[in-house]
Amino acid sequence: MHRFKFTYVPCVYPILILELYLFIQMKAWAKAHDINSSKDRTLNSLSIILLVAFHLQTRKPPILPPFSAILKDGEDPTSVRRAVRNFKDYGIRNTETLGELFMSFLIKLT
């Protein structure tokens, strides 16, 4: 299994902008409900990132490509950057707003 290292973030930033906005919204929601603390064994930031990524990958149509497709040619930043170019307009057919994505995310969690 590939590890998605934080060094890849600059490489995949073009396709992660929406994920970033949804993550910030989810993190604020989790903090407001006191469920964003790894020391209390609730949702830590990495778990929120992965849940948001999964949500965006499973929308109809998907908004975020599978990480396996991004990392299929290698885990080095050059290969990741090259792979990301193939996903430039990935998810563009999905017309859900950030609010709709947030609400569908909460529904998926329940």
PDB file of N, CA and C in Angstrom:
ATOM      1  N   MET A   1       0.851  -1.187   0.000  1.00  0.00           N
ATOM      2  CA  MET A   1       0.000   0.000   0.000  1.00  0.00           C
ATOM      3  C   MET A   1       0.887   1.237   0.000  1.00  0.00           C
ATOM      4  N   HIS A   2       0.512   2.210  -0.800  1.00  0.00           N
ATOM      5  CA  HIS A   2       1.282   3.446  -0.888  1.00  0.00           C
ATOM      6  C   HIS A   2       0.988   4.352   0.298  1.00  0.00           C
ATOM      7  N   ARG A   3       1.982   5.084   0.695  1.00  0.00           N
ATOM      8  CA  ARG A   3       1.777   6.118   1.715  1.00  0.00           C
ATOM      9  C   ARG A   3       1.682   7.453   1.009  1.00  0.00           C
ATOM     10  N   PHE A   4       0.688   8.216   1.381  1.00  0.00           N
ATOM     11  CA  PHE A   4       0.524   9.545   0.803  1.00  0.00           C
ATOM     12  C   PHE A   4       1.220  10.525   1.727  1.00  0.00           C
ATOM     13  N   LYS A   5       2.441  10.897   1.391  1.00  0.00           N
ATOM     14  CA  LYS A   5       3.249  11.754   2.251  1.00  0.00           C
ATOM     15  C   LYS A   5       2.910  13.222   2.027  1.00  0.00           C
ATOM     16  N   PHE A   6       3.104  14.016   3.057  1.00  0.00           N
ATOM     17  CA  PHE A   6       2.803  15.441   2.954  1.00  0.00           C
ATOM     18  C   PHE A   6       3.695  16.138   1.939  1.00  0.00           C
ATOM     19  N   THR A   7       4.816  15.532   1.551  1.00  0.00           N
ATOM     20  CA  THR A   7       5.658  16.142   0.522  1.00  0.00           C
ATOM     21  C   THR A   7       4.952  16.159  -0.824  1.00  0.00           C
ATOM     22  N   TYR A   8       3.887  15.373  -0.985  1.00  0.00           N
ATOM     23  CA  TYR A   8       3.158  15.339  -2.244  1.00  0.00           C
ATOM     24  C   TYR A   8       2.152  16.477  -2.371  1.00  0.00           C
ATOM     25  N   VAL A   9       1.840  17.115  -1.273  1.00  0.00           N
ATOM     26  CA  VAL A   9       0.793  18.141  -1.307  1.00  0.00           C
ATOM     27  C   VAL A   9       1.054  19.200  -2.378  1.00  0.00           C
ATOM     28  N   PRO A  10       2.269  19.767  -2.483  1.00  0.00           N
ATOM     29  CA  PRO A  10       2.483  20.749  -3.562  1.00  0.00           C
ATOM     30  C   PRO A  10       2.271  20.155  -4.951  1.00  0.00           C
ATOM     31  N   CYS A  11       2.526  18.863  -5.118  1.00  0.00           N
ATOM     32  CA  CYS A  11       2.363  18.216  -6.422  1.00  0.00           C
ATOM     33  C   CYS A  11       0.899  18.049  -6.792  1.00  0.00           C
ATOM     34  N   VAL A  12       0.077  17.745  -5.817  1.00  0.00           N
ATOM     35  CA  VAL A  12      -1.328  17.459  -6.095  1.00  0.00           C
ATOM     36  C   VAL A  12      -2.249  18.621  -5.747  1.00  0.00           C
ATOM     37  N   TYR A  13      -1.666  19.731  -5.337  1.00  0.00           N
ATOM     38  CA  TYR A  13      -2.472  20.884  -4.920  1.00  0.00           C
ATOM     39  C   TYR A  13      -3.556  21.259  -5.920  1.00  0.00           C
ATOM     40  N   PRO A  14      -3.283  21.243  -7.231  1.00  0.00           N
ATOM     41  CA  PRO A  14      -4.337  21.653  -8.170  1.00  0.00           C
ATOM     42  C   PRO A  14      -5.624  20.833  -8.053  1.00  0.00           C
ATOM     43  N   ILE A  15      -5.532  19.565  -7.664  1.00  0.00           N
ATOM     44  CA  ILE A  15      -6.744  18.758  -7.567  1.00  0.00           C
ATOM     45  C   ILE A  15      -7.238  18.642  -6.133  1.00  0.00           C
ATOM     46  N   LEU A  16      -6.563  19.283  -5.190  1.00  0.00           N
ATOM     47  CA  LEU A  16      -6.959  19.187  -3.790  1.00  0.00           C
ATOM     48  C   LEU A  16      -7.595  20.461  -3.242  1.00  0.00           C
ATOM     49  N   ILE A  17      -7.817  21.445  -4.068  1.00  0.00           N
ATOM     50  CA  ILE A  17      -8.346  22.717  -3.570  1.00  0.00           C
ATOM     51  C   ILE A  17      -9.707  22.523  -2.903  1.00  0.00           C
ATOM     52  N   LEU A  18     -10.623  21.829  -3.561  1.00  0.00           N
ATOM     53  CA  LEU A  18     -11.937  21.595  -2.968  1.00  0.00           C
ATOM     54  C   LEU A  18     -11.820  20.747  -1.705  1.00  0.00           C
ATOM     55  N   GLU A  19     -10.949  19.738  -1.738  1.00  0.00           N
ATOM     56  CA  GLU A  19     -10.756  18.911  -0.551  1.00  0.00           C
ATOM     57  C   GLU A  19     -10.281  19.775   0.617  1.00  0.00           C
ATOM     58  N   LEU A  20      -9.409  20.725   0.352  1.00  0.00           N
ATOM     59  CA  LEU A  20      -8.904  21.606   1.399  1.00  0.00           C
ATOM     60  C   LEU A  20     -10.038  22.425   2.022  1.00  0.00           C
ATOM     61  N   TYR A  21     -10.886  22.998   1.191  1.00  0.00           N
ATOM     62  CA  TYR A  21     -12.010  23.780   1.716  1.00  0.00           C
ATOM     63  C   TYR A  21     -12.954  22.913   2.552  1.00  0.00           C
ATOM     64  N   LEU A  22     -13.264  21.714   2.045  1.00  0.00           N
ATOM     65  CA  LEU A  22     -14.158  20.823   2.779  1.00  0.00           C
ATOM     66  C   LEU A  22     -13.497  20.346   4.071  1.00  0.00           C
ATOM     67  N   PHE A  23     -12.192  20.086   4.028  1.00  0.00           N
ATOM     68  CA  PHE A  23     -11.471  19.685   5.236  1.00  0.00           C
ATOM     69  C   PHE A  23     -11.529  20.788   6.298  1.00  0.00           C
ATOM     70  N   ILE A  24     -11.298  22.034   5.894  1.00  0.00           N
ATOM     71  CA  ILE A  24     -11.340  23.151   6.845  1.00  0.00           C
ATOM     72  C   ILE A  24     -12.731  23.257   7.467  1.00  0.00           C
ATOM     73  N   GLN A  25     -13.756  23.098   6.640  1.00  0.00           N
ATOM     74  CA  GLN A  25     -15.127  23.161   7.150  1.00  0.00           C
ATOM     75  C   GLN A  25     -15.405  21.999   8.108  1.00  0.00           C
ATOM     76  N   MET A  26     -14.958  20.793   7.748  1.00  0.00           N
ATOM     77  CA  MET A  26     -15.181  19.619   8.606  1.00  0.00           C
ATOM     78  C   MET A  26     -14.399  19.735   9.912  1.00  0.00           C
ATOM     79  N   LYS A  27     -13.180  20.238   9.851  1.00  0.00           N
ATOM     80  CA  LYS A  27     -12.367  20.392  11.060  1.00  0.00           C
ATOM     81  C   LYS A  27     -13.022  21.398  12.008  1.00  0.00           C
ATOM     82  N   ALA A  28     -13.527  22.488  11.469  1.00  0.00           N
ATOM     83  CA  ALA A  28     -14.213  23.478  12.304  1.00  0.00           C
ATOM     84  C   ALA A  28     -15.466  22.868  12.933  1.00  0.00           C
ATOM     85  N   TRP A  29     -16.206  22.091  12.153  1.00  0.00           N
ATOM     86  CA  TRP A  29     -17.402  21.422  12.676  1.00  0.00           C
ATOM     87  C   TRP A  29     -17.020  20.438  13.783  1.00  0.00           C
ATOM     88  N   ALA A  30     -15.972  19.646  13.553  1.00  0.00           N
ATOM     89  CA  ALA A  30     -15.535  18.657  14.545  1.00  0.00           C
ATOM     90  C   ALA A  30     -15.063  19.339  15.832  1.00  0.00           C
ATOM     91  N   LYS A  31     -14.330  20.438  15.695  1.00  0.00           N
ATOM     92  CA  LYS A  31     -13.890  21.183  16.884  1.00  0.00           C
ATOM     93  C   LYS A  31     -15.080  21.749  17.646  1.00  0.00           C
ATOM     94  N   ALA A  32     -16.046  22.280  16.936  1.00  0.00           N
ATOM     95  CA  ALA A  32     -17.230  22.864  17.578  1.00  0.00           C
ATOM     96  C   ALA A  32     -18.041  21.819  18.337  1.00  0.00           C
ATOM     97  N   HIS A  33     -17.904  20.553  17.908  1.00  0.00           N
ATOM     98  CA  HIS A  33     -18.631  19.465  18.566  1.00  0.00           C
ATOM     99  C   HIS A  33     -17.717  18.619  19.462  1.00  0.00           C
ATOM    100  N   ASP A  34     -16.533  19.144  19.761  1.00  0.00           N
ATOM    101  CA  ASP A  34     -15.561  18.461  20.638  1.00  0.00           C
ATOM    102  C   ASP A  34     -15.254  17.031  20.212  1.00  0.00           C
ATOM    103  N   ILE A  35     -15.097  16.826  18.902  1.00  0.00           N
ATOM    104  CA  ILE A  35     -14.719  15.495  18.420  1.00  0.00           C
ATOM    105  C   ILE A  35     -13.478  15.575  17.523  1.00  0.00           C
ATOM    106  N   ASN A  36     -12.591  16.517  17.812  1.00  0.00           N
ATOM    107  CA  ASN A  36     -11.352  16.657  17.043  1.00  0.00           C
ATOM    108  C   ASN A  36     -10.167  16.670  18.001  1.00  0.00           C
ATOM    109  N   SER A  37      -9.922  15.531  18.638  1.00  0.00           N
ATOM    110  CA  SER A  37      -8.824  15.435  19.596  1.00  0.00           C
ATOM    111  C   SER A  37      -8.311  14.002  19.644  1.00  0.00           C
ATOM    112  N   SER A  38      -7.115  13.787  19.132  1.00  0.00           N
ATOM    113  CA  SER A  38      -6.568  12.431  19.159  1.00  0.00           C
ATOM    114  C   SER A  38      -6.306  11.960  20.591  1.00  0.00           C
ATOM    115  N   LYS A  39      -5.976  12.878  21.493  1.00  0.00           N
ATOM    116  CA  LYS A  39      -5.731  12.467  22.888  1.00  0.00           C
ATOM    117  C   LYS A  39      -7.008  11.972  23.552  1.00  0.00           C
ATOM    118  N   ASP A  40      -8.163  12.458  23.073  1.00  0.00           N
ATOM    119  CA  ASP A  40      -9.447  11.981  23.591  1.00  0.00           C
ATOM    120  C   ASP A  40     -10.012  10.834  22.750  1.00  0.00           C
ATOM    121  N   ARG A  41      -9.197  10.363  21.814  1.00  0.00           N
ATOM    122  CA  ARG A  41      -9.566   9.252  20.922  1.00  0.00           C
ATOM    123  C   ARG A  41     -10.785   9.571  20.060  1.00  0.00           C
ATOM    124  N   THR A  42     -10.834  10.795  19.592  1.00  0.00           N
ATOM    125  CA  THR A  42     -11.864  11.175  18.633  1.00  0.00           C
ATOM    126  C   THR A  42     -11.174  11.393  17.294  1.00  0.00           C
ATOM    127  N   LEU A  43     -11.775  12.125  16.394  1.00  0.00           N
ATOM    128  CA  LEU A  43     -11.220  12.322  15.051  1.00  0.00           C
ATOM    129  C   LEU A  43     -10.003  13.250  15.077  1.00  0.00           C
ATOM    130  N   ASN A  44      -8.861  12.735  14.636  1.00  0.00           N
ATOM    131  CA  ASN A  44      -7.704  13.617  14.488  1.00  0.00           C
ATOM    132  C   ASN A  44      -7.712  14.186  13.068  1.00  0.00           C
ATOM    133  N   SER A  45      -6.811  15.103  12.790  1.00  0.00           N
ATOM    134  CA  SER A  45      -6.801  15.785  11.487  1.00  0.00           C
ATOM    135  C   SER A  45      -6.591  14.811  10.327  1.00  0.00           C
ATOM    136  N   LEU A  46      -5.707  13.834  10.493  1.00  0.00           N
ATOM    137  CA  LEU A  46      -5.470  12.874   9.411  1.00  0.00           C
ATOM    138  C   LEU A  46      -6.734  12.075   9.110  1.00  0.00           C
ATOM    139  N   SER A  47      -7.448  11.665  10.138  1.00  0.00           N
ATOM    140  CA  SER A  47      -8.677  10.904   9.886  1.00  0.00           C
ATOM    141  C   SER A  47      -9.704  11.765   9.160  1.00  0.00           C
ATOM    142  N   ILE A  48      -9.784  13.037   9.482  1.00  0.00           N
ATOM    143  CA  ILE A  48     -10.715  13.927   8.776  1.00  0.00           C
ATOM    144  C   ILE A  48     -10.299  14.076   7.317  1.00  0.00           C
ATOM    145  N   ILE A  49      -8.999  14.245   7.070  1.00  0.00           N
ATOM    146  CA  ILE A  49      -8.502  14.354   5.690  1.00  0.00           C
ATOM    147  C   ILE A  49      -8.872  13.111   4.888  1.00  0.00           C
ATOM    148  N   LEU A  50      -8.652  11.938   5.473  1.00  0.00           N
ATOM    149  CA  LEU A  50      -8.940  10.695   4.756  1.00  0.00           C
ATOM    150  C   LEU A  50     -10.441  10.496   4.540  1.00  0.00           C
ATOM    151  N   LEU A  51     -11.248  10.875   5.514  1.00  0.00           N
ATOM    152  CA  LEU A  51     -12.694  10.778   5.339  1.00  0.00           C
ATOM    153  C   LEU A  51     -13.183  11.731   4.248  1.00  0.00           C
ATOM    154  N   VAL A  52     -12.648  12.943   4.222  1.00  0.00           N
ATOM    155  CA  VAL A  52     -13.021  13.906   3.190  1.00  0.00           C
ATOM    156  C   VAL A  52     -12.586  13.390   1.811  1.00  0.00           C
ATOM    157  N   ALA A  53     -11.377  12.862   1.722  1.00  0.00           N
ATOM    158  CA  ALA A  53     -10.894  12.319   0.444  1.00  0.00           C
ATOM    159  C   ALA A  53     -11.803  11.176  -0.024  1.00  0.00           C
ATOM    160  N   PHE A  54     -12.147  10.270   0.877  1.00  0.00           N
ATOM    161  CA  PHE A  54     -13.030   9.162   0.528  1.00  0.00           C
ATOM    162  C   PHE A  54     -14.382   9.687   0.040  1.00  0.00           C
ATOM    163  N   HIS A  55     -14.896  10.680   0.724  1.00  0.00           N
ATOM    164  CA  HIS A  55     -16.189  11.258   0.325  1.00  0.00           C
ATOM    165  C   HIS A  55     -16.110  11.831  -1.091  1.00  0.00           C
ATOM    166  N   LEU A  56     -15.062  12.573  -1.380  1.00  0.00           N
ATOM    167  CA  LEU A  56     -14.925  13.181  -2.707  1.00  0.00           C
ATOM    168  C   LEU A  56     -14.654  12.138  -3.790  1.00  0.00           C
ATOM    169  N   GLN A  57     -14.029  11.033  -3.417  1.00  0.00           N
ATOM    170  CA  GLN A  57     -13.765   9.957  -4.378  1.00  0.00           C
ATOM    171  C   GLN A  57     -15.010   9.124  -4.669  1.00  0.00           C
ATOM    172  N   THR A  58     -15.997   9.158  -3.792  1.00  0.00           N
ATOM    173  CA  THR A  58     -17.177   8.302  -3.959  1.00  0.00           C
ATOM    174  C   THR A  58     -18.430   9.080  -4.361  1.00  0.00           C
ATOM    175  N   ARG A  59     -18.282  10.350  -4.713  1.00  0.00           N
ATOM    176  CA  ARG A  59     -19.425  11.117  -5.216  1.00  0.00           C
ATOM    177  C   ARG A  59     -19.764  10.632  -6.616  1.00  0.00           C
ATOM    178  N   LYS A  60     -20.956  10.943  -7.080  1.00  0.00           N
ATOM    179  CA  LYS A  60     -21.386  10.586  -8.429  1.00  0.00           C
ATOM    180  C   LYS A  60     -21.629  11.872  -9.201  1.00  0.00           C
ATOM    181  N   PRO A  61     -20.785  12.258 -10.121  1.00  0.00           N
ATOM    182  CA  PRO A  61     -19.482  11.686 -10.466  1.00  0.00           C
ATOM    183  C   PRO A  61     -18.420  12.063  -9.428  1.00  0.00           C
ATOM    184  N   PRO A  62     -17.358  11.267  -9.365  1.00  0.00           N
ATOM    185  CA  PRO A  62     -16.310  11.541  -8.377  1.00  0.00           C
ATOM    186  C   PRO A  62     -15.620  12.880  -8.618  1.00  0.00           C
ATOM    187  N   ILE A  63     -15.151  13.466  -7.524  1.00  0.00           N
ATOM    188  CA  ILE A  63     -14.477  14.763  -7.588  1.00  0.00           C
ATOM    189  C   ILE A  63     -12.964  14.603  -7.464  1.00  0.00           C
ATOM    190  N   LEU A  64     -12.545  13.634  -6.699  1.00  0.00           N
ATOM    191  CA  LEU A  64     -11.123  13.389  -6.447  1.00  0.00           C
ATOM    192  C   LEU A  64     -10.766  12.005  -6.973  1.00  0.00           C
ATOM    193  N   PRO A  65      -9.678  11.874  -7.743  1.00  0.00           N
ATOM    194  CA  PRO A  65      -9.302  10.551  -8.252  1.00  0.00           C
ATOM    195  C   PRO A  65      -8.762   9.669  -7.128  1.00  0.00           C
ATOM    196  N   PRO A  66      -8.779   8.360  -7.332  1.00  0.00           N
ATOM    197  CA  PRO A  66      -8.200   7.460  -6.325  1.00  0.00           C
ATOM    198  C   PRO A  66      -6.704   7.739  -6.165  1.00  0.00           C
ATOM    199  N   PHE A  67      -6.232   7.663  -4.942  1.00  0.00           N
ATOM    200  CA  PHE A  67      -4.800   7.883  -4.703  1.00  0.00           C
ATOM    201  C   PHE A  67      -3.953   6.857  -5.449  1.00  0.00           C
ATOM    202  N   SER A  68      -4.482   5.640  -5.626  1.00  0.00           N
ATOM    203  CA  SER A  68      -3.728   4.612  -6.349  1.00  0.00           C
ATOM    204  C   SER A  68      -3.454   5.046  -7.788  1.00  0.00           C
ATOM    205  N   ALA A  69      -4.378   5.784  -8.393  1.00  0.00           N
ATOM    206  CA  ALA A  69      -4.169   6.276  -9.760  1.00  0.00           C
ATOM    207  C   ALA A  69      -3.119   7.384  -9.788  1.00  0.00           C
ATOM    208  N   ILE A  70      -3.101   8.200  -8.757  1.00  0.00           N
ATOM    209  CA  ILE A  70      -2.109   9.278  -8.683  1.00  0.00           C
ATOM    210  C   ILE A  70      -0.711   8.713  -8.463  1.00  0.00           C
ATOM    211  N   LEU A  71      -0.622   7.617  -7.724  1.00  0.00           N
ATOM    212  CA  LEU A  71       0.678   7.051  -7.361  1.00  0.00           C
ATOM    213  C   LEU A  71       1.075   5.853  -8.216  1.00  0.00           C
ATOM    214  N   LYS A  72       0.330   5.558  -9.282  1.00  0.00           N
ATOM    215  CA  LYS A  72       0.577   4.338 -10.054  1.00  0.00           C
ATOM    216  C   LYS A  72       1.942   4.296 -10.735  1.00  0.00           C
ATOM    217  N   ASP A  73       2.499   5.435 -11.089  1.00  0.00           N
ATOM    218  CA  ASP A  73       3.799   5.463 -11.764  1.00  0.00           C
ATOM    219  C   ASP A  73       4.963   5.700 -10.809  1.00  0.00           C
ATOM    220  N   GLY A  74       4.683   5.753  -9.528  1.00  0.00           N
ATOM    221  CA  GLY A  74       5.741   5.954  -8.543  1.00  0.00           C
ATOM    222  C   GLY A  74       5.337   6.954  -7.486  1.00  0.00           C
ATOM    223  N   GLU A  75       6.050   6.898  -6.390  1.00  0.00           N
ATOM    224  CA  GLU A  75       5.755   7.770  -5.254  1.00  0.00           C
ATOM    225  C   GLU A  75       6.625   9.011  -5.202  1.00  0.00           C
ATOM    226  N   ASP A  76       7.601   9.105  -6.081  1.00  0.00           N
ATOM    227  CA  ASP A  76       8.481  10.274  -6.057  1.00  0.00           C
ATOM    228  C   ASP A  76       7.713  11.493  -6.571  1.00  0.00           C
ATOM    229  N   PRO A  77       8.048  12.670  -6.068  1.00  0.00           N
ATOM    230  CA  PRO A  77       7.309  13.884  -6.456  1.00  0.00           C
ATOM    231  C   PRO A  77       7.209  14.125  -7.958  1.00  0.00           C
ATOM    232  N   THR A  78       8.244  13.771  -8.722  1.00  0.00           N
ATOM    233  CA  THR A  78       8.204  13.985 -10.167  1.00  0.00           C
ATOM    234  C   THR A  78       7.122  13.126 -10.814  1.00  0.00           C
ATOM    235  N   SER A  79       7.047  11.855 -10.415  1.00  0.00           N
ATOM    236  CA  SER A  79       6.020  10.961 -10.958  1.00  0.00           C
ATOM    237  C   SER A  79       4.629  11.408 -10.548  1.00  0.00           C
ATOM    238  N   VAL A  80       4.493  11.851  -9.311  1.00  0.00           N
ATOM    239  CA  VAL A  80       3.187  12.313  -8.823  1.00  0.00           C
ATOM    240  C   VAL A  80       2.758  13.555  -9.584  1.00  0.00           C
ATOM    241  N   ARG A  81       3.680  14.502  -9.778  1.00  0.00           N
ATOM    242  CA  ARG A  81       3.375  15.723 -10.525  1.00  0.00           C
ATOM    243  C   ARG A  81       2.910  15.377 -11.942  1.00  0.00           C
ATOM    244  N   ARG A  82       3.601  14.432 -12.572  1.00  0.00           N
ATOM    245  CA  ARG A  82       3.258  14.016 -13.934  1.00  0.00           C
ATOM    246  C   ARG A  82       1.866  13.375 -13.955  1.00  0.00           C
ATOM    247  N   ALA A  83       1.587  12.527 -12.985  1.00  0.00           N
ATOM    248  CA  ALA A  83       0.277  11.858 -12.921  1.00  0.00           C
ATOM    249  C   ALA A  83      -0.847  12.853 -12.685  1.00  0.00           C
ATOM    250  N   VAL A  84      -0.598  13.853 -11.869  1.00  0.00           N
ATOM    251  CA  VAL A  84      -1.628  14.844 -11.553  1.00  0.00           C
ATOM    252  C   VAL A  84      -2.066  15.599 -12.801  1.00  0.00           C
ATOM    253  N   ARG A  85      -1.149  15.799 -13.725  1.00  0.00           N
ATOM    254  CA  ARG A  85      -1.507  16.490 -14.973  1.00  0.00           C
ATOM    255  C   ARG A  85      -2.644  15.765 -15.704  1.00  0.00           C
ATOM    256  N   ASN A  86      -2.692  14.434 -15.569  1.00  0.00           N
ATOM    257  CA  ASN A  86      -3.748  13.647 -16.214  1.00  0.00           C
ATOM    258  C   ASN A  86      -5.118  13.880 -15.571  1.00  0.00           C
ATOM    259  N   PHE A  87      -5.132  14.452 -14.386  1.00  0.00           N
ATOM    260  CA  PHE A  87      -6.375  14.661 -13.662  1.00  0.00           C
ATOM    261  C   PHE A  87      -6.746  16.146 -13.567  1.00  0.00           C
ATOM    262  N   LYS A  88      -6.210  16.947 -14.477  1.00  0.00           N
ATOM    263  CA  LYS A  88      -6.385  18.400 -14.416  1.00  0.00           C
ATOM    264  C   LYS A  88      -7.849  18.816 -14.236  1.00  0.00           C
ATOM    265  N   ASP A  89      -8.745  18.297 -15.014  1.00  0.00           N
ATOM    266  CA  ASP A  89     -10.157  18.673 -14.930  1.00  0.00           C
ATOM    267  C   ASP A  89     -11.004  17.570 -14.302  1.00  0.00           C
ATOM    268  N   TYR A  90     -10.357  16.708 -13.544  1.00  0.00           N
ATOM    269  CA  TYR A  90     -11.072  15.607 -12.899  1.00  0.00           C
ATOM    270  C   TYR A  90     -12.115  16.178 -11.946  1.00  0.00           C
ATOM    271  N   GLY A  91     -13.304  15.668 -12.006  1.00  0.00           N
ATOM    272  CA  GLY A  91     -14.360  16.110 -11.109  1.00  0.00           C
ATOM    273  C   GLY A  91     -15.138  17.309 -11.580  1.00  0.00           C
ATOM    274  N   ILE A  92     -14.777  17.853 -12.726  1.00  0.00           N
ATOM    275  CA  ILE A  92     -15.418  19.075 -13.202  1.00  0.00           C
ATOM    276  C   ILE A  92     -16.904  18.855 -13.522  1.00  0.00           C
ATOM    277  N   ARG A  93     -17.280  17.614 -13.822  1.00  0.00           N
ATOM    278  CA  ARG A  93     -18.692  17.325 -14.132  1.00  0.00           C
ATOM    279  C   ARG A  93     -19.569  17.342 -12.881  1.00  0.00           C
ATOM    280  N   ASN A  94     -18.953  17.233 -11.718  1.00  0.00           N
ATOM    281  CA  ASN A  94     -19.724  17.276 -10.481  1.00  0.00           C
ATOM    282  C   ASN A  94     -20.053  18.732 -10.173  1.00  0.00           C
ATOM    283  N   THR A  95     -21.314  19.018  -9.991  1.00  0.00           N
ATOM    284  CA  THR A  95     -21.746  20.407  -9.803  1.00  0.00           C
ATOM    285  C   THR A  95     -22.190  20.706  -8.372  1.00  0.00           C
ATOM    286  N   GLU A  96     -21.897  19.808  -7.431  1.00  0.00           N
ATOM    287  CA  GLU A  96     -22.300  20.033  -6.046  1.00  0.00           C
ATOM    288  C   GLU A  96     -21.547  21.225  -5.454  1.00  0.00           C
ATOM    289  N   THR A  97     -22.248  22.010  -4.663  1.00  0.00           N
ATOM    290  CA  THR A  97     -21.612  23.134  -3.982  1.00  0.00           C
ATOM    291  C   THR A  97     -20.891  22.622  -2.740  1.00  0.00           C
ATOM    292  N   LEU A  98     -20.077  23.471  -2.154  1.00  0.00           N
ATOM    293  CA  LEU A  98     -19.383  23.115  -0.926  1.00  0.00           C
ATOM    294  C   LEU A  98     -20.388  22.780   0.175  1.00  0.00           C
ATOM    295  N   GLY A  99     -21.460  23.543   0.269  1.00  0.00           N
ATOM    296  CA  GLY A  99     -22.501  23.272   1.260  1.00  0.00           C
ATOM    297  C   GLY A  99     -23.163  21.920   1.047  1.00  0.00           C
ATOM    298  N   GLU A 100     -23.449  21.598  -0.209  1.00  0.00           N
ATOM    299  CA  GLU A 100     -24.051  20.299  -0.518  1.00  0.00           C
ATOM    300  C   GLU A 100     -23.090  19.163  -0.185  1.00  0.00           C
ATOM    301  N   LEU A 101     -21.811  19.353  -0.486  1.00  0.00           N
ATOM    302  CA  LEU A 101     -20.813  18.330  -0.158  1.00  0.00           C
ATOM    303  C   LEU A 101     -20.691  18.148   1.348  1.00  0.00           C
ATOM    304  N   PHE A 102     -20.729  19.254   2.083  1.00  0.00           N
ATOM    305  CA  PHE A 102     -20.648  19.190   3.537  1.00  0.00           C
ATOM    306  C   PHE A 102     -21.839  18.414   4.101  1.00  0.00           C
ATOM    307  N   MET A 103     -23.036  18.731   3.645  1.00  0.00           N
ATOM    308  CA  MET A 103     -24.229  18.041   4.135  1.00  0.00           C
ATOM    309  C   MET A 103     -24.227  16.565   3.752  1.00  0.00           C
ATOM    310  N   SER A 104     -23.836  16.239   2.523  1.00  0.00           N
ATOM    311  CA  SER A 104     -23.797  14.836   2.121  1.00  0.00           C
ATOM    312  C   SER A 104     -22.718  14.077   2.885  1.00  0.00           C
ATOM    313  N   PHE A 105     -21.647  14.775   3.254  1.00  0.00           N
ATOM    314  CA  PHE A 105     -20.595  14.162   4.081  1.00  0.00           C
ATOM    315  C   PHE A 105     -21.155  13.798   5.459  1.00  0.00           C
ATOM    316  N   LEU A 106     -21.886  14.732   6.081  1.00  0.00           N
ATOM    317  CA  LEU A 106     -22.476  14.447   7.378  1.00  0.00           C
ATOM    318  C   LEU A 106     -23.478  13.300   7.297  1.00  0.00           C
ATOM    319  N   ILE A 107     -24.245  13.259   6.231  1.00  0.00           N
ATOM    320  CA  ILE A 107     -25.205  12.160   6.045  1.00  0.00           C
ATOM    321  C   ILE A 107     -24.457  10.839   5.897  1.00  0.00           C
ATOM    322  N   LYS A 108     -23.363  10.847   5.148  1.00  0.00           N
ATOM    323  CA  LYS A 108     -22.583   9.622   4.966  1.00  0.00           C
ATOM    324  C   LYS A 108     -22.017   9.129   6.292  1.00  0.00           C
ATOM    325  N   LEU A 109     -21.667  10.035   7.184  1.00  0.00           N
ATOM    326  CA  LEU A 109     -21.098   9.650   8.479  1.00  0.00           C
ATOM    327  C   LEU A 109     -22.123   9.030   9.410  1.00  0.00           C
ATOM    328  N   THR A 110     -23.400   9.331   9.200  1.00  0.00           N
ATOM    329  CA  THR A 110     -24.425   8.829  10.124  1.00  0.00           C
ATOM    330  C   THR A 110     -24.870   7.429   9.796  1.00  0.00           C
TER     331      THR A 110
END
